[in-house]
Structures are given as structure tokens and as C-alpha cells.
Amino acid sequence: MLIDSSAAVITKARAKYGKRLTEKDYKALLKCNNVASVVSYLKAHTKYADVLSKLNENEVHRGRVESLLKQKVFYDFDSLCRYEMSQGSPFSEFIIRRYEIEQLIHFLLLLSCNKQEQYIFALPSYFNKHTDIDLYKLSACKDFESFINALGKGEYCDILKEFAPDKDGIIDIAGAEDALNVYSYKKLYIAISKRKSKKQKENLKSLCDYINDFCNISRILRLKKYYNMDESAIRSHLMPFGSINKKTIDSMCEAKDVDEVFDIVATTRIGKRIKQMSIEKEEQLSIKSRYNMCKRMLYYSNDPAVVLLSYMYVSEAELKNIITIVEGVRYNCSAQQIESMLIYEY
């Protein structure tokens, strides 16, 4: 039963991927001149019609649109791997952890600017039954101590209690998010190491290594270019996973500028892939490379876990595209400006 169900994931994922936004859809969305017209097009021509159907286009709020779109993406995951979730699949659990981490960081961001009472308005009620975190209890927290207590005993509590506000009341949000993501990927790598099939183990590890390699390269570029961090500070924000060796990572962290980082990357196994990509901004490197890899895996992999994770990342890229269009239209950006920030290929 488990084998049959897992094999069905591949067929279902590819069928759902077939309903993705097309180039025609993106061109139409880029012609919209307000958020209401974006919503109108999504309701009339895309798979998001059902979740947006009750939204009044004359009273569109960007936050509400984003919430509904995220709900649709989660429902797709839920229908795709419902059986695996019920069986405690480590790969579906990884997806759940990503949503949990997003909610924890969102609350901490609001708490850090004394707007924690606003969390209740963005709380994803559809997700509450899929997580052990009581999101409604979380929404009632007034300070960091009550936030930690609301998490109860467990790894999230153990990790986040180390990020209590400093004497000035500042919470290290970036550090907390990094720590949570390291924890999540560590559990995923452990699950991968327990796979019986050597080939499946290698394929999954290769995919995760690739994702973390580009995440680290992108972070080094961004932190060096925009924050002028020294090498030790940059290293503290990197994921301790991937295929790039420590010596090369150290060289990138110590590089004097972005150009030197690219020169070093060019000497690595994945350097050729970067040359093949059209990158408008350094921060696009991670998500675009991940998108390209996962799109290929959706087509060619026969491993349900690889396909499941690939579908997750590709779906998230599309969601980010729509949110980017909504934001761009809202702030009167030109179609060319918005298009340069989108991640899709046909």
C-alpha cells in the first residue's frame, strides 16, 4: 500500500505541475494595472480560482490575497501527500516543518516591533490541524517568555529560547531562522541516510546538497555586497551542508568583493550551471538555481521523495512570482521591473 501510494505521488505531482502558470498567464498578469485586476485574472484563468472565488475584487487587500494563495499551495501539498503524512513520512514532515518555521519567524518579527497582536489576523487556520504548535495559543502571547512557554517542551523551544531579546529588547531574527533551518535540514539528511536504496539515497542527498550549495553562495554574495560583513560573520549565516568543500567556502567568505566570489565559484563543479543562468540580481541565484534543478527532477526522477520535494520548491517559486507581481503592481512598478524579478522558464 505504501509503495503504491508513494508511486502515485509522481503522477499526481506531474499532473499538478501541468496546471502551473504559463508564459501566456505571466504576460497577462504583467499587463494588469492594479491588484484587483491581478486577482480577477487569477480567478478567471488559473488553478487559484477556487481559493480566490469568494474574494471581493472591489475590496482586495494584499495580505488577504497572499494568505489565500499560500492556503492553495498548502492544500495542493496536503492532497499530494496525505497518505505519506498519515504515515509520518520524513519528507512530508520536512514540508510541515517549513510551514511551522515560517509561522514562528512571522510571530517573532511581529513581536520584535511590538505588533504581536496582529498575528491573529494572518494566522493560517487551515494549517493548525497539521501542526503540534497551537497557533491560536501563540497568537495570545504578549512577550518572548509567553511565546517560549506556548511552544511547550521540544526542539523548537530548545532552539528558540537561546534567542531571547537582548538588553535593548532586540531579537536576533536572522539567527533564529538560521538555527531553525539547520535543525530542519539536519533531520532531513538523517532521514535520507536511512533510505534502503543506495541510488535513492544518493539522488536525495545530491538534490539537498545542490539546494544548500546555492543557498550558501547566494548568502555570501548578498552579505558581502549589501552588508559588507567580514568572513567570520558571513560564516555564521551559512548552512553547514552541501557539496562545496570547506576550503572553497572559506575562500569565498574571505574574497574582497562579489566578482572575486564569482571567480572562485567558477572553479567548482556547480560553477558551470551559474554561467548558464541569466541572473538579474545576486539574490536570485539561490531560488532560480533551485527552480531549474527541481523542474528537471519533476520530469525525470522516479523517486517519489525527490519529486515531492521538487514540486514543493517549484510551487513556492510560482507563489513568490505572484506575490512579486501583486507587490509590483501595488507600488506602480513597470512591467519590465516586475518581470526581471520573476523566476520561471518555458
Protein backbone atom coordinates (compact mmCIF):
# COMPACT_ATOMS: atom_id res chain seq x y z
CA MET A 1 0.00 0.00 0.00
CA LEU A 2 2.80 2.42 0.91
CA ILE A 3 4.67 1.64 -2.32
CA ASP A 4 1.56 2.10 -4.47
CA SER A 5 0.69 5.35 -2.70
CA SER A 6 4.23 6.70 -3.00
CA ALA A 7 4.36 5.86 -6.70
CA ALA A 8 1.12 7.76 -7.18
CA VAL A 9 2.82 10.88 -5.82
CA ILE A 10 4.86 11.12 -9.03
CA THR A 11 1.79 11.03 -11.29
CA LYS A 12 -0.14 13.46 -9.08
CA ALA A 13 2.76 15.89 -8.78
CA ARG A 14 3.34 15.99 -12.52
CA ALA A 15 -0.38 16.49 -13.14
CA LYS A 16 -0.44 19.40 -10.68
CA TYR A 17 2.70 20.84 -12.21
CA GLY A 18 0.93 20.75 -15.57
CA LYS A 19 -1.56 23.28 -14.19
CA ARG A 20 1.16 25.82 -13.40
CA LEU A 21 1.02 29.37 -14.73
CA THR A 22 2.02 29.54 -18.39
CA GLU A 23 4.05 32.17 -20.19
CA LYS A 24 0.73 33.50 -21.52
CA ASP A 25 -0.53 33.85 -17.92
CA TYR A 26 2.57 35.77 -16.83
CA LYS A 27 2.32 38.13 -19.80
CA ALA A 28 -1.33 38.78 -18.99
CA LEU A 29 -0.61 39.37 -15.30
CA LEU A 30 2.19 41.80 -16.16
CA LYS A 31 -0.35 43.88 -18.09
CA CYS A 32 -2.57 44.31 -15.01
CA ASN A 33 -2.53 47.83 -13.60
CA ASN A 34 -3.89 47.13 -10.10
CA VAL A 35 -4.18 44.33 -7.56
CA ALA A 36 -7.89 43.82 -8.28
CA SER A 37 -7.18 43.07 -11.94
CA VAL A 38 -4.45 40.58 -10.92
CA VAL A 39 -6.96 38.79 -8.70
CA SER A 40 -9.59 38.92 -11.44
CA TYR A 41 -7.26 37.21 -13.91
CA LEU A 42 -6.19 34.54 -11.40
CA LYS A 43 -9.86 33.80 -10.64
CA ALA A 44 -10.84 33.54 -14.28
CA HIS A 45 -7.92 31.68 -15.83
CA THR A 46 -5.82 29.74 -13.29
CA LYS A 47 -5.86 26.95 -10.72
CA TYR A 48 -6.17 29.59 -7.98
CA ALA A 49 -9.78 30.28 -8.96
CA ASP A 50 -11.29 28.11 -6.22
CA VAL A 51 -9.45 29.64 -3.30
CA LEU A 52 -9.95 33.21 -4.59
CA SER A 53 -13.60 32.74 -5.61
CA LYS A 54 -15.10 34.40 -2.54
CA LEU A 55 -12.72 37.35 -2.61
CA ASN A 56 -14.43 40.62 -3.41
CA GLU A 57 -12.32 42.24 -6.14
CA ASN A 58 -13.54 45.69 -5.11
CA GLU A 59 -12.13 45.25 -1.60
CA VAL A 60 -8.88 43.45 -2.28
CA HIS A 61 -6.24 43.53 0.43
CA ARG A 62 -2.73 42.39 -0.47
CA GLY A 63 -2.27 40.47 2.79
CA ARG A 64 -5.53 38.59 2.28
CA VAL A 65 -4.58 37.66 -1.29
CA GLU A 66 -1.19 36.35 -0.16
CA SER A 67 -2.80 34.33 2.64
CA LEU A 68 -5.28 32.68 0.28
CA LEU A 69 -2.57 31.86 -2.27
CA LYS A 70 -0.46 30.20 0.44
CA GLN A 71 -3.54 28.27 1.51
CA LYS A 72 -3.97 26.96 -2.03
CA VAL A 73 -0.33 25.83 -2.21
CA PHE A 74 -0.66 24.02 1.12
CA TYR A 75 -3.87 22.30 0.05
CA ASP A 76 -2.01 21.04 -3.01
CA PHE A 77 0.71 19.56 -0.80
CA ASP A 78 -1.91 18.09 1.50
CA SER A 79 -3.75 16.33 -1.33
CA LEU A 80 -0.48 15.23 -2.88
CA CYS A 81 0.98 13.50 0.14
CA ARG A 82 -1.93 12.99 2.53
CA TYR A 83 -1.19 9.28 2.87
CA GLU A 84 2.51 9.92 3.45
CA MET A 85 1.66 12.50 6.11
CA SER A 86 -0.55 10.00 7.91
CA GLN A 87 2.32 7.50 7.88
CA GLY A 88 4.81 10.01 9.26
CA SER A 89 6.93 10.29 6.12
CA PRO A 90 10.12 12.27 6.89
CA PHE A 91 9.75 14.10 3.59
CA SER A 92 6.21 15.28 4.20
CA GLU A 93 7.33 16.15 7.75
CA PHE A 94 10.02 18.37 6.21
CA ILE A 95 7.30 20.27 4.34
CA ILE A 96 5.32 20.70 7.55
CA ARG A 97 8.44 21.96 9.36
CA ARG A 98 8.94 24.62 6.68
CA TYR A 99 5.44 25.94 7.35
CA GLU A 100 6.00 25.80 11.11
CA ILE A 101 9.26 27.72 10.84
CA GLU A 102 7.57 30.33 8.67
CA GLN A 103 4.89 30.86 11.34
CA LEU A 104 7.39 31.03 14.20
CA ILE A 105 9.54 33.59 12.41
CA HIS A 106 6.49 35.60 11.37
CA PHE A 107 5.37 35.83 15.00
CA LEU A 108 8.87 36.80 16.19
CA LEU A 109 9.02 39.55 13.56
CA LEU A 110 5.75 40.99 14.84
CA LEU A 111 6.89 40.59 18.45
CA SER A 112 10.15 42.40 17.73
CA CYS A 113 8.21 45.52 16.67
CA ASN A 114 5.51 45.20 19.35
CA LYS A 115 2.79 44.24 16.88
CA GLN A 116 2.28 40.66 18.06
CA GLU A 117 -1.47 41.20 18.36
CA GLN A 118 -1.62 41.35 14.56
CA TYR A 119 -0.60 37.70 14.24
CA ILE A 120 -4.19 36.52 14.77
CA PHE A 121 -5.23 38.25 11.52
CA ALA A 122 -2.62 36.37 9.46
CA LEU A 123 -2.87 33.06 11.32
CA PRO A 124 -3.37 30.21 8.80
CA SER A 125 -6.26 28.35 10.43
CA TYR A 126 -6.13 25.68 7.70
CA PHE A 127 -2.65 24.71 8.92
CA ASN A 128 -3.42 24.48 12.63
CA LYS A 129 -4.61 20.87 12.44
CA HIS A 130 -1.39 19.78 10.71
CA THR A 131 1.00 21.06 13.36
CA ASP A 132 1.67 20.31 17.01
CA ILE A 133 2.13 24.04 17.59
CA ASP A 134 -1.05 25.64 18.89
CA LEU A 135 -1.17 28.68 16.62
CA TYR A 136 -4.14 30.17 18.47
CA LYS A 137 -2.25 29.91 21.75
CA LEU A 138 0.71 31.51 20.01
CA SER A 139 -1.46 34.42 18.89
CA ALA A 140 -2.29 35.22 22.53
CA CYS A 141 1.36 35.62 23.56
CA LYS A 142 2.35 39.07 24.78
CA ASP A 143 6.11 38.66 25.16
CA PHE A 144 9.02 36.35 24.42
CA GLU A 145 8.63 34.37 27.64
CA SER A 146 4.99 33.53 26.95
CA PHE A 147 5.98 32.68 23.35
CA ILE A 148 8.52 30.13 24.59
CA ASN A 149 6.04 28.70 27.07
CA ALA A 150 3.43 28.35 24.31
CA LEU A 151 5.82 26.14 22.36
CA GLY A 152 5.93 23.63 25.22
CA LYS A 153 8.73 21.12 25.51
CA GLY A 154 10.52 20.14 22.32
CA GLU A 155 13.20 21.10 19.83
CA TYR A 156 11.63 24.39 18.75
CA CYS A 157 11.54 25.56 22.35
CA ASP A 158 15.14 24.41 22.98
CA ILE A 159 16.38 26.22 19.86
CA LEU A 160 14.47 29.48 20.19
CA LYS A 161 14.97 30.08 23.92
CA GLU A 162 18.59 30.84 23.03
CA PHE A 163 17.38 33.89 21.07
CA ALA A 164 15.75 35.84 23.87
CA PRO A 165 15.74 39.63 23.41
CA ASP A 166 18.99 41.36 24.41
CA LYS A 167 19.20 44.21 26.95
CA ASP A 168 17.87 46.57 24.28
CA GLY A 169 14.94 44.29 23.53
CA ILE A 170 16.30 43.21 20.13
CA ILE A 171 15.66 39.67 18.92
CA ASP A 172 18.17 38.09 16.54
CA ILE A 173 15.55 37.05 13.98
CA ALA A 174 18.07 36.06 11.31
CA GLY A 175 19.98 33.91 13.78
CA ALA A 176 16.78 32.23 14.95
CA GLU A 177 15.69 31.48 11.39
CA ASP A 178 19.13 30.09 10.52
CA ALA A 179 19.08 27.82 13.58
CA LEU A 180 15.60 26.52 12.75
CA ASN A 181 16.54 25.82 9.13
CA VAL A 182 19.71 23.99 10.17
CA TYR A 183 17.62 21.84 12.52
CA SER A 184 15.09 21.10 9.77
CA TYR A 185 17.68 20.11 7.17
CA LYS A 186 19.64 18.07 9.70
CA LYS A 187 16.55 15.94 10.31
CA LEU A 188 16.03 15.61 6.56
CA TYR A 189 19.61 14.49 5.96
CA ILE A 190 19.26 11.91 8.75
CA ALA A 191 16.10 10.59 7.06
CA ILE A 192 17.93 10.40 3.75
CA SER A 193 20.79 8.42 5.32
CA LYS A 194 18.27 5.78 6.43
CA ARG A 195 16.96 5.10 2.93
CA LYS A 196 17.49 1.47 1.92
CA SER A 197 18.13 2.16 -1.75
CA LYS A 198 21.65 3.46 -2.37
CA LYS A 199 20.57 5.17 -5.58
CA GLN A 200 17.63 6.93 -3.94
CA LYS A 201 19.88 7.96 -1.06
CA GLU A 202 22.41 9.46 -3.48
CA ASN A 203 19.74 11.25 -5.52
CA LEU A 204 18.10 12.82 -2.48
CA LYS A 205 21.39 13.86 -0.91
CA SER A 206 22.54 15.33 -4.23
CA LEU A 207 19.34 17.40 -4.52
CA CYS A 208 19.61 18.72 -0.96
CA ASP A 209 23.34 19.41 -1.31
CA TYR A 210 22.68 21.32 -4.52
CA ILE A 211 19.99 23.45 -2.85
CA ASN A 212 22.23 24.23 0.12
CA ASP A 213 25.26 24.97 -2.08
CA PHE A 214 23.38 27.67 -3.93
CA CYS A 215 21.80 28.94 -0.74
CA ASN A 216 25.28 29.46 0.72
CA ILE A 217 26.70 31.06 -2.43
CA SER A 218 23.73 33.42 -2.61
CA ARG A 219 24.11 34.36 1.05
CA ILE A 220 27.82 35.06 0.70
CA LEU A 221 27.15 37.32 -2.28
CA ARG A 222 24.30 39.16 -0.57
CA LEU A 223 26.02 39.63 2.80
CA LYS A 224 29.23 40.78 1.16
CA LYS A 225 27.55 43.17 -1.28
CA TYR A 226 24.84 44.74 0.88
CA TYR A 227 26.09 44.34 4.45
CA ASN A 228 29.87 44.35 4.00
CA MET A 229 30.22 41.60 6.62
CA ASP A 230 33.60 40.16 7.49
CA GLU A 231 34.34 36.49 6.85
CA SER A 232 33.55 35.24 10.36
CA ALA A 233 30.16 36.98 10.39
CA ILE A 234 29.33 35.56 6.95
CA ARG A 235 30.26 32.02 8.01
CA SER A 236 27.84 32.26 10.93
CA HIS A 237 24.95 32.65 8.48
CA LEU A 238 25.82 29.70 6.22
CA MET A 239 24.15 26.30 6.18
CA PRO A 240 26.55 23.53 7.35
CA PHE A 241 25.52 21.31 4.43
CA GLY A 242 26.31 20.96 0.74
CA SER A 243 28.96 19.57 -1.58
CA ILE A 244 31.33 22.55 -1.68
CA ASN A 245 34.37 21.85 0.50
CA LYS A 246 35.30 23.99 3.49
CA LYS A 247 38.41 25.41 1.85
CA THR A 248 36.39 26.81 -1.06
CA ILE A 249 33.70 28.19 1.26
CA ASP A 250 36.39 29.91 3.33
CA SER A 251 37.89 31.43 0.17
CA MET A 252 34.51 32.83 -0.86
CA CYS A 253 33.95 34.28 2.61
CA GLU A 254 37.40 35.91 2.54
CA ALA A 255 37.02 37.28 -1.01
CA LYS A 256 37.35 41.06 -1.27
CA ASP A 257 34.25 41.56 -3.45
CA VAL A 258 31.40 39.89 -5.36
CA ASP A 259 33.46 39.50 -8.54
CA GLU A 260 36.10 37.51 -6.69
CA VAL A 261 33.39 35.28 -5.20
CA PHE A 262 32.12 34.50 -8.71
CA ASP A 263 35.68 33.73 -9.83
CA ILE A 264 36.01 31.21 -7.00
CA VAL A 265 32.60 29.69 -7.70
CA ALA A 266 33.64 29.21 -11.34
CA THR A 267 36.27 26.70 -10.16
CA THR A 268 33.64 24.46 -8.55
CA ARG A 269 31.54 21.68 -10.01
CA ILE A 270 28.41 23.81 -9.98
CA GLY A 271 30.13 26.87 -11.44
CA LYS A 272 29.11 25.88 -14.97
CA ARG A 273 25.45 25.91 -14.02
CA ILE A 274 25.72 29.52 -12.89
CA LYS A 275 27.16 30.57 -16.25
CA GLN A 276 24.12 29.05 -17.96
CA MET A 277 21.68 31.12 -15.91
CA SER A 278 20.59 34.70 -16.57
CA ILE A 279 20.77 36.36 -13.16
CA GLU A 280 19.49 39.93 -12.76
CA LYS A 281 20.43 40.13 -9.09
CA GLU A 282 22.70 38.05 -6.87
CA GLU A 283 19.83 37.20 -4.53
CA GLN A 284 18.04 35.45 -7.41
CA LEU A 285 20.81 32.88 -7.68
CA SER A 286 19.56 30.55 -4.97
CA ILE A 287 15.87 30.43 -5.92
CA LYS A 288 16.49 30.34 -9.69
CA SER A 289 19.04 27.51 -9.49
CA ARG A 290 16.75 25.60 -7.15
CA TYR A 291 13.83 26.15 -9.51
CA ASN A 292 15.78 24.91 -12.53
CA MET A 293 17.00 21.79 -10.76
CA CYS A 294 13.61 20.90 -9.29
CA LYS A 295 11.84 21.43 -12.60
CA ARG A 296 14.15 18.85 -14.16
CA MET A 297 13.63 16.46 -11.26
CA LEU A 298 9.86 16.68 -11.68
CA TYR A 299 10.21 15.49 -15.26
CA TYR A 300 12.93 12.87 -14.94
CA SER A 301 13.13 11.48 -11.40
CA ASN A 302 11.37 8.23 -10.50
CA ASP A 303 11.91 8.70 -6.77
CA PRO A 304 8.65 9.88 -5.10
CA ALA A 305 10.57 11.72 -2.37
CA VAL A 306 12.65 13.65 -4.92
CA VAL A 307 9.51 14.51 -6.89
CA LEU A 308 7.67 15.57 -3.74
CA LEU A 309 10.45 17.93 -2.62
CA SER A 310 10.91 19.23 -6.17
CA TYR A 311 7.21 20.01 -6.51
CA MET A 312 7.33 21.87 -3.20
CA TYR A 313 10.15 24.17 -4.32
CA VAL A 314 8.68 24.78 -7.80
CA SER A 315 5.29 25.63 -6.28
CA GLU A 316 6.91 28.03 -3.84
CA ALA A 317 8.69 29.75 -6.74
CA GLU A 318 5.37 30.29 -8.53
CA LEU A 319 3.79 31.61 -5.34
CA LYS A 320 6.68 34.04 -4.91
CA ASN A 321 6.20 35.18 -8.52
CA ILE A 322 2.54 36.01 -7.96
CA ILE A 323 3.29 37.86 -4.73
CA THR A 324 6.02 39.79 -6.55
CA ILE A 325 3.52 40.79 -9.27
CA VAL A 326 0.96 41.87 -6.65
CA GLU A 327 3.57 43.93 -4.80
CA GLY A 328 4.95 45.41 -8.03
CA VAL A 329 1.52 46.45 -9.28
CA ARG A 330 0.62 47.86 -5.89
CA TYR A 331 3.70 50.12 -5.90
CA ASN A 332 3.35 51.09 -9.57
CA CYS A 333 6.48 49.32 -10.79
CA SER A 334 6.83 48.94 -14.54
CA ALA A 335 6.10 45.59 -16.18
CA GLN A 336 9.78 45.34 -17.11
CA GLN A 337 10.88 45.86 -13.50
CA ILE A 338 8.47 43.22 -12.23
CA GLU A 339 9.36 40.71 -14.94
CA SER A 340 13.07 40.99 -14.09
CA MET A 341 12.28 39.69 -10.60
CA LEU A 342 10.27 36.64 -11.70
CA ILE A 343 11.63 33.10 -11.72
CA TYR A 344 10.16 30.95 -14.50
CA GLU A 345 11.23 29.37 -17.78
CA TYR A 346 9.39 27.82 -20.75
